[in-house]
N, C-alpha and C. Protein backbone atom coordinates (compact mmCIF):
# COMPACT_ATOMS: atom_id res chain seq x y z
N MET A 1 -34.26 21.86 -9.85
CA MET A 1 -34.75 21.49 -8.54
C MET A 1 -33.76 20.69 -7.52
N ASN A 2 -33.13 21.86 -6.29
CA ASN A 2 -32.45 21.22 -5.53
C ASN A 2 -32.76 20.21 -4.92
N LYS A 3 -31.26 19.39 -4.20
CA LYS A 3 -31.75 18.10 -3.47
C LYS A 3 -31.26 18.65 -2.01
N LYS A 4 -31.88 18.38 -1.19
CA LYS A 4 -31.13 18.35 0.24
C LYS A 4 -29.58 17.45 0.27
N MET A 5 -28.84 17.64 0.60
CA MET A 5 -27.74 17.14 0.61
C MET A 5 -27.50 16.26 2.17
N HIS A 6 -26.75 15.53 1.53
CA HIS A 6 -26.83 14.79 3.14
C HIS A 6 -24.81 15.36 4.04
N VAL A 7 -24.53 16.16 2.97
CA VAL A 7 -23.14 16.71 3.26
C VAL A 7 -23.25 18.12 2.88
N LYS A 8 -22.06 18.56 4.41
CA LYS A 8 -21.71 20.55 4.37
C LYS A 8 -20.94 20.76 3.85
N LYS A 9 -20.71 21.89 3.38
CA LYS A 9 -19.18 22.17 3.29
C LYS A 9 -18.52 22.41 4.81
N GLY A 10 -17.11 21.73 4.97
CA GLY A 10 -16.36 21.57 6.36
C GLY A 10 -16.04 20.12 6.70
N ASP A 11 -17.68 19.24 6.15
CA ASP A 11 -17.17 17.87 6.92
C ASP A 11 -16.49 16.96 6.42
N THR A 12 -16.08 16.58 7.13
CA THR A 12 -14.76 15.04 6.82
C THR A 12 -15.78 14.24 6.26
N ILE A 13 -15.39 14.01 4.58
CA ILE A 13 -16.27 12.62 4.50
C ILE A 13 -15.30 11.46 3.81
N VAL A 14 -15.55 10.01 3.84
CA VAL A 14 -14.91 9.03 3.32
C VAL A 14 -15.44 8.20 1.58
N VAL A 15 -14.48 8.46 0.49
CA VAL A 15 -15.17 8.07 -0.56
C VAL A 15 -15.56 6.54 -0.67
N LEU A 16 -16.84 6.29 -1.81
CA LEU A 16 -17.20 5.26 -1.11
C LEU A 16 -16.74 4.07 -2.66
N SER A 17 -16.61 4.75 -3.45
CA SER A 17 -16.11 4.12 -4.91
C SER A 17 -15.52 4.83 -5.45
N GLY A 18 -14.80 4.70 -6.63
CA GLY A 18 -13.69 4.87 -7.58
C GLY A 18 -12.35 4.97 -7.68
N LYS A 19 -11.55 5.75 -8.00
CA LYS A 19 -9.96 5.38 -8.08
C LYS A 19 -9.67 5.95 -6.43
N ASP A 20 -10.37 6.94 -5.96
CA ASP A 20 -10.00 7.77 -4.56
C ASP A 20 -11.03 6.59 -3.70
N LYS A 21 -11.15 4.98 -4.02
CA LYS A 21 -11.76 4.56 -2.85
C LYS A 21 -11.34 4.88 -1.11
N GLY A 22 -11.71 5.07 -0.52
CA GLY A 22 -11.22 5.00 1.03
C GLY A 22 -10.74 6.00 1.44
N LYS A 23 -10.32 6.56 0.61
CA LYS A 23 -9.75 8.32 1.18
C LYS A 23 -10.56 9.09 1.94
N LYS A 24 -9.63 9.60 3.37
CA LYS A 24 -11.19 11.09 3.68
C LYS A 24 -10.21 12.20 3.24
N GLY A 25 -11.35 13.63 3.16
CA GLY A 25 -11.07 14.44 2.73
C GLY A 25 -12.05 15.50 3.59
N LYS A 26 -11.74 16.65 3.54
CA LYS A 26 -12.67 17.52 4.06
C LYS A 26 -14.07 18.88 2.75
N VAL A 27 -15.11 18.73 2.58
CA VAL A 27 -15.71 19.12 1.89
C VAL A 27 -15.28 20.28 1.76
N LEU A 28 -14.64 21.08 0.21
CA LEU A 28 -14.74 22.16 -0.06
C LEU A 28 -15.99 23.46 -0.09
N THR A 29 -16.51 22.65 -1.44
CA THR A 29 -18.01 23.48 -2.31
C THR A 29 -18.78 22.10 -2.39
N VAL A 30 -20.44 22.61 -1.96
CA VAL A 30 -21.42 21.52 -2.65
C VAL A 30 -22.20 22.03 -3.76
N ILE A 31 -21.67 21.66 -4.52
CA ILE A 31 -22.89 21.93 -5.46
C ILE A 31 -24.75 21.17 -5.87
N PRO A 32 -25.26 21.70 -5.21
CA PRO A 32 -26.58 20.79 -5.39
C PRO A 32 -26.93 20.63 -6.48
N LYS A 33 -26.72 21.51 -6.95
CA LYS A 33 -28.05 21.63 -8.64
C LYS A 33 -27.12 20.54 -9.37
N LYS A 34 -26.34 19.96 -9.50
CA LYS A 34 -25.30 18.95 -9.67
C LYS A 34 -25.39 17.74 -9.26
N GLU A 35 -25.78 17.63 -7.79
CA GLU A 35 -25.45 16.47 -6.91
C GLU A 35 -24.16 16.25 -6.14
N SER A 36 -23.41 17.48 -6.18
CA SER A 36 -21.99 17.03 -6.77
C SER A 36 -20.82 17.40 -5.55
N VAL A 37 -19.74 17.37 -4.89
CA VAL A 37 -19.05 18.08 -4.25
C VAL A 37 -17.92 18.15 -4.15
N ILE A 38 -17.11 18.98 -3.86
CA ILE A 38 -15.65 19.14 -4.37
C ILE A 38 -14.71 18.63 -2.61
N VAL A 39 -13.70 17.86 -2.86
CA VAL A 39 -13.24 17.46 -1.27
C VAL A 39 -11.77 17.47 -1.71
N GLU A 40 -11.37 18.17 -0.66
CA GLU A 40 -9.57 18.31 -0.79
C GLU A 40 -9.10 17.34 -0.85
N GLY A 41 -7.97 17.36 -1.80
CA GLY A 41 -7.02 15.88 -2.44
C GLY A 41 -7.78 15.03 -3.04
N ILE A 42 -8.61 15.11 -3.30
CA ILE A 42 -9.88 13.91 -3.90
C ILE A 42 -10.01 13.83 -5.10
N ALA A 43 -10.07 13.27 -6.12
CA ALA A 43 -10.61 13.36 -7.59
C ALA A 43 -9.50 14.76 -8.50
N MET A 44 -8.61 14.34 -8.50
CA MET A 44 -7.36 15.20 -8.39
C MET A 44 -7.61 15.36 -10.00
N ALA A 45 -7.20 16.12 -11.02
CA ALA A 45 -7.50 16.02 -12.50
C ALA A 45 -6.20 17.16 -12.85
N VAL A 46 -5.48 17.23 -14.00
CA VAL A 46 -4.05 18.47 -14.42
C VAL A 46 -5.06 19.20 -15.21
N LYS A 47 -5.27 20.33 -15.47
CA LYS A 47 -5.64 21.56 -15.74
C LYS A 47 -4.27 21.86 -16.40
N HIS A 48 -4.45 22.89 -17.73
CA HIS A 48 -3.02 23.17 -18.80
C HIS A 48 -3.66 24.09 -18.00
N LYS A 49 -3.06 25.38 -17.46
CA LYS A 49 -2.71 26.72 -17.59
C LYS A 49 -1.93 27.98 -19.15
N LYS A 50 -2.78 28.54 -19.15
CA LYS A 50 -1.91 29.30 -20.31
C LYS A 50 -1.63 30.65 -19.62
N PRO A 51 -0.13 31.09 -20.02
CA PRO A 51 0.33 32.20 -19.58
C PRO A 51 -0.81 33.45 -20.63
N ARG A 52 -1.71 34.56 -18.91
CA ARG A 52 -2.57 35.76 -19.99
C ARG A 52 -1.68 36.84 -20.25
N LYS A 53 -1.00 36.83 -18.84
CA LYS A 53 0.04 38.39 -19.10
C LYS A 53 1.53 38.25 -19.13
N ALA A 54 2.38 39.32 -19.42
CA ALA A 54 3.67 38.64 -19.77
C ALA A 54 4.19 38.45 -19.00
N GLY A 55 3.84 38.52 -17.28
CA GLY A 55 4.80 38.00 -16.35
C GLY A 55 4.01 36.97 -15.63
N ASP A 56 2.81 36.39 -16.38
CA ASP A 56 2.27 35.32 -15.62
C ASP A 56 2.94 33.98 -16.75
N GLU A 57 3.05 32.63 -16.00
CA GLU A 57 3.43 32.13 -15.92
C GLU A 57 2.41 30.45 -16.37
N GLY A 58 2.59 29.84 -17.50
CA GLY A 58 1.61 28.54 -17.92
C GLY A 58 2.11 27.67 -16.93
N GLY A 59 1.85 26.65 -17.79
CA GLY A 59 1.73 25.04 -17.03
C GLY A 59 1.06 24.31 -16.62
N LEU A 60 1.05 22.86 -16.11
CA LEU A 60 0.36 22.06 -15.56
C LEU A 60 -0.20 22.41 -13.62
N ILE A 61 -1.57 22.11 -13.92
CA ILE A 61 -1.74 22.69 -12.50
C ILE A 61 -2.66 21.29 -11.91
N ASN A 62 -2.84 21.09 -10.93
CA ASN A 62 -3.30 20.06 -10.18
C ASN A 62 -4.51 20.69 -8.94
N GLN A 63 -5.80 19.98 -9.95
CA GLN A 63 -7.12 20.97 -9.30
C GLN A 63 -7.79 19.68 -8.98
N GLU A 64 -8.83 20.26 -7.40
CA GLU A 64 -9.69 19.06 -7.68
C GLU A 64 -11.22 18.98 -8.25
N THR A 65 -11.54 17.91 -8.84
CA THR A 65 -12.80 17.76 -9.23
C THR A 65 -14.04 17.78 -8.78
N ALA A 66 -15.05 17.77 -8.89
CA ALA A 66 -16.55 17.63 -8.60
C ALA A 66 -16.59 15.96 -8.41
N ILE A 67 -17.38 15.38 -6.93
CA ILE A 67 -17.70 13.97 -7.53
C ILE A 67 -19.52 13.70 -6.91
N LYS A 68 -19.73 12.93 -7.25
CA LYS A 68 -21.61 13.15 -6.85
C LYS A 68 -21.07 12.10 -5.53
N VAL A 69 -22.06 13.21 -4.58
CA VAL A 69 -22.46 13.09 -3.80
C VAL A 69 -23.43 11.77 -3.52
N CYS A 70 -24.06 10.90 -4.45
CA CYS A 70 -23.83 9.80 -3.68
C CYS A 70 -22.75 8.78 -3.49
N LYS A 71 -21.46 8.69 -3.71
CA LYS A 71 -19.95 8.31 -3.72
C LYS A 71 -19.56 8.86 -2.70
N VAL A 72 -19.98 9.64 -1.37
CA VAL A 72 -19.49 9.79 -0.58
C VAL A 72 -20.24 9.24 0.83
N MET A 73 -19.73 9.05 1.94
CA MET A 73 -19.85 8.98 3.53
C MET A 73 -19.90 9.92 4.28
N LEU A 74 -20.83 10.67 5.10
CA LEU A 74 -19.83 11.72 6.09
C LEU A 74 -19.36 10.74 7.15
N SER A 75 -18.03 10.88 7.59
CA SER A 75 -16.93 10.39 8.64
C SER A 75 -17.27 11.07 9.99
N CYS A 76 -18.69 10.71 11.39
CA CYS A 76 -18.23 10.59 12.13
C CYS A 76 -17.15 11.67 12.70
N PRO A 77 -16.85 12.68 13.21
CA PRO A 77 -16.09 13.10 14.31
C PRO A 77 -16.06 12.58 15.70
N LYS A 78 -16.67 12.13 16.28
CA LYS A 78 -17.05 11.62 17.67
C LYS A 78 -15.85 9.78 17.48
N CYS A 79 -17.10 9.17 16.89
CA CYS A 79 -16.59 7.07 16.90
C CYS A 79 -15.45 7.34 15.59
N GLY A 80 -15.08 8.09 14.84
CA GLY A 80 -14.01 8.09 13.56
C GLY A 80 -14.21 7.43 12.67
N ARG A 81 -15.28 6.61 12.40
CA ARG A 81 -15.72 5.83 11.55
C ARG A 81 -17.26 6.45 10.49
N SER A 82 -17.26 5.83 8.99
CA SER A 82 -18.12 6.04 7.65
C SER A 82 -19.58 6.21 8.50
N THR A 83 -20.67 6.96 8.94
CA THR A 83 -21.98 6.26 9.11
C THR A 83 -22.89 7.49 7.96
N ARG A 84 -24.12 6.76 8.19
CA ARG A 84 -25.32 7.50 7.62
C ARG A 84 -25.64 8.52 8.31
N ILE A 85 -26.82 10.15 7.94
CA ILE A 85 -27.26 10.62 9.24
C ILE A 85 -28.64 10.84 9.47
N GLY A 86 -28.66 10.63 10.88
CA GLY A 86 -30.53 10.95 10.92
C GLY A 86 -30.34 12.48 11.87
N ARG A 87 -31.89 13.07 11.49
CA ARG A 87 -31.92 13.97 12.06
C ARG A 87 -33.06 14.05 13.55
N GLN A 88 -32.52 14.68 14.41
CA GLN A 88 -33.51 14.50 15.71
C GLN A 88 -33.53 16.21 15.98
N VAL A 89 -34.51 16.63 16.49
CA VAL A 89 -35.06 18.04 17.25
C VAL A 89 -35.03 17.88 18.43
N LEU A 90 -34.14 19.08 19.18
CA LEU A 90 -33.87 19.10 20.57
C LEU A 90 -35.31 19.49 21.10
N GLU A 91 -35.18 20.24 22.34
CA GLU A 91 -36.53 20.49 23.10
C GLU A 91 -36.34 22.17 23.09
N SER A 92 -35.18 23.06 22.66
CA SER A 92 -35.34 24.41 21.76
C SER A 92 -35.82 24.25 20.62
N GLY A 93 -36.60 23.23 19.72
CA GLY A 93 -36.65 23.36 17.97
C GLY A 93 -35.63 23.09 17.36
N GLU A 94 -34.42 23.23 17.86
CA GLU A 94 -33.11 23.34 17.27
C GLU A 94 -33.15 21.86 16.52
N ILE A 95 -32.99 21.66 15.13
CA ILE A 95 -32.41 20.33 14.12
C ILE A 95 -31.34 19.96 14.09
N VAL A 96 -30.49 18.56 14.79
CA VAL A 96 -29.08 18.74 14.77
C VAL A 96 -29.05 17.15 13.84
N ARG A 97 -28.03 17.07 12.72
CA ARG A 97 -27.61 16.16 12.55
C ARG A 97 -27.13 15.11 13.87
N VAL A 98 -27.34 13.76 13.34
CA VAL A 98 -27.12 13.28 14.64
C VAL A 98 -26.76 11.47 14.00
N CYS A 99 -25.32 11.11 14.15
CA CYS A 99 -24.68 9.57 14.00
C CYS A 99 -25.47 8.13 14.03
N LYS A 100 -25.83 7.99 13.44
CA LYS A 100 -26.59 6.83 13.69
C LYS A 100 -26.00 5.48 13.79
N ARG A 101 -24.35 5.65 14.37
CA ARG A 101 -23.56 4.44 15.11
C ARG A 101 -23.23 4.81 16.03
N CYS A 102 -23.16 6.10 16.77
CA CYS A 102 -23.27 6.06 18.13
C CYS A 102 -23.84 7.11 18.72
N ALA A 103 -24.69 7.87 17.55
CA ALA A 103 -26.12 8.75 18.44
C ALA A 103 -25.78 9.85 18.92
N GLU A 104 -24.50 10.45 18.82
CA GLU A 104 -23.52 11.29 18.88
C GLU A 104 -24.65 12.57 18.44
N ILE A 105 -24.38 13.78 18.82
CA ILE A 105 -24.56 14.84 17.42
C ILE A 105 -23.67 15.07 16.85
N ILE A 106 -23.51 15.63 15.68
CA ILE A 106 -23.13 15.48 14.92
C ILE A 106 -22.79 17.48 14.42
């Protein structure tokens, strides 16, 4: 069962816990089945790459890994602080995300 995620691809987030606590980054991928996200420059791991063709180079590659979505919080683009989000229905019937701190549409 897929859960509804509070972050979307392209959002700026703040890491709440772990080795990268306090860092900000942009969400590259959202994985609802695993309830995790991949964030640019966060949770870096070393991947060993083997050369597959004659011209390829092998070696160590730094790559982002997935982190649980419960360990990240959305950063409001208006007030710049980490915040929870609410949902609001506009007069046109459109549902938008709203910052709980400054009440601005995200």
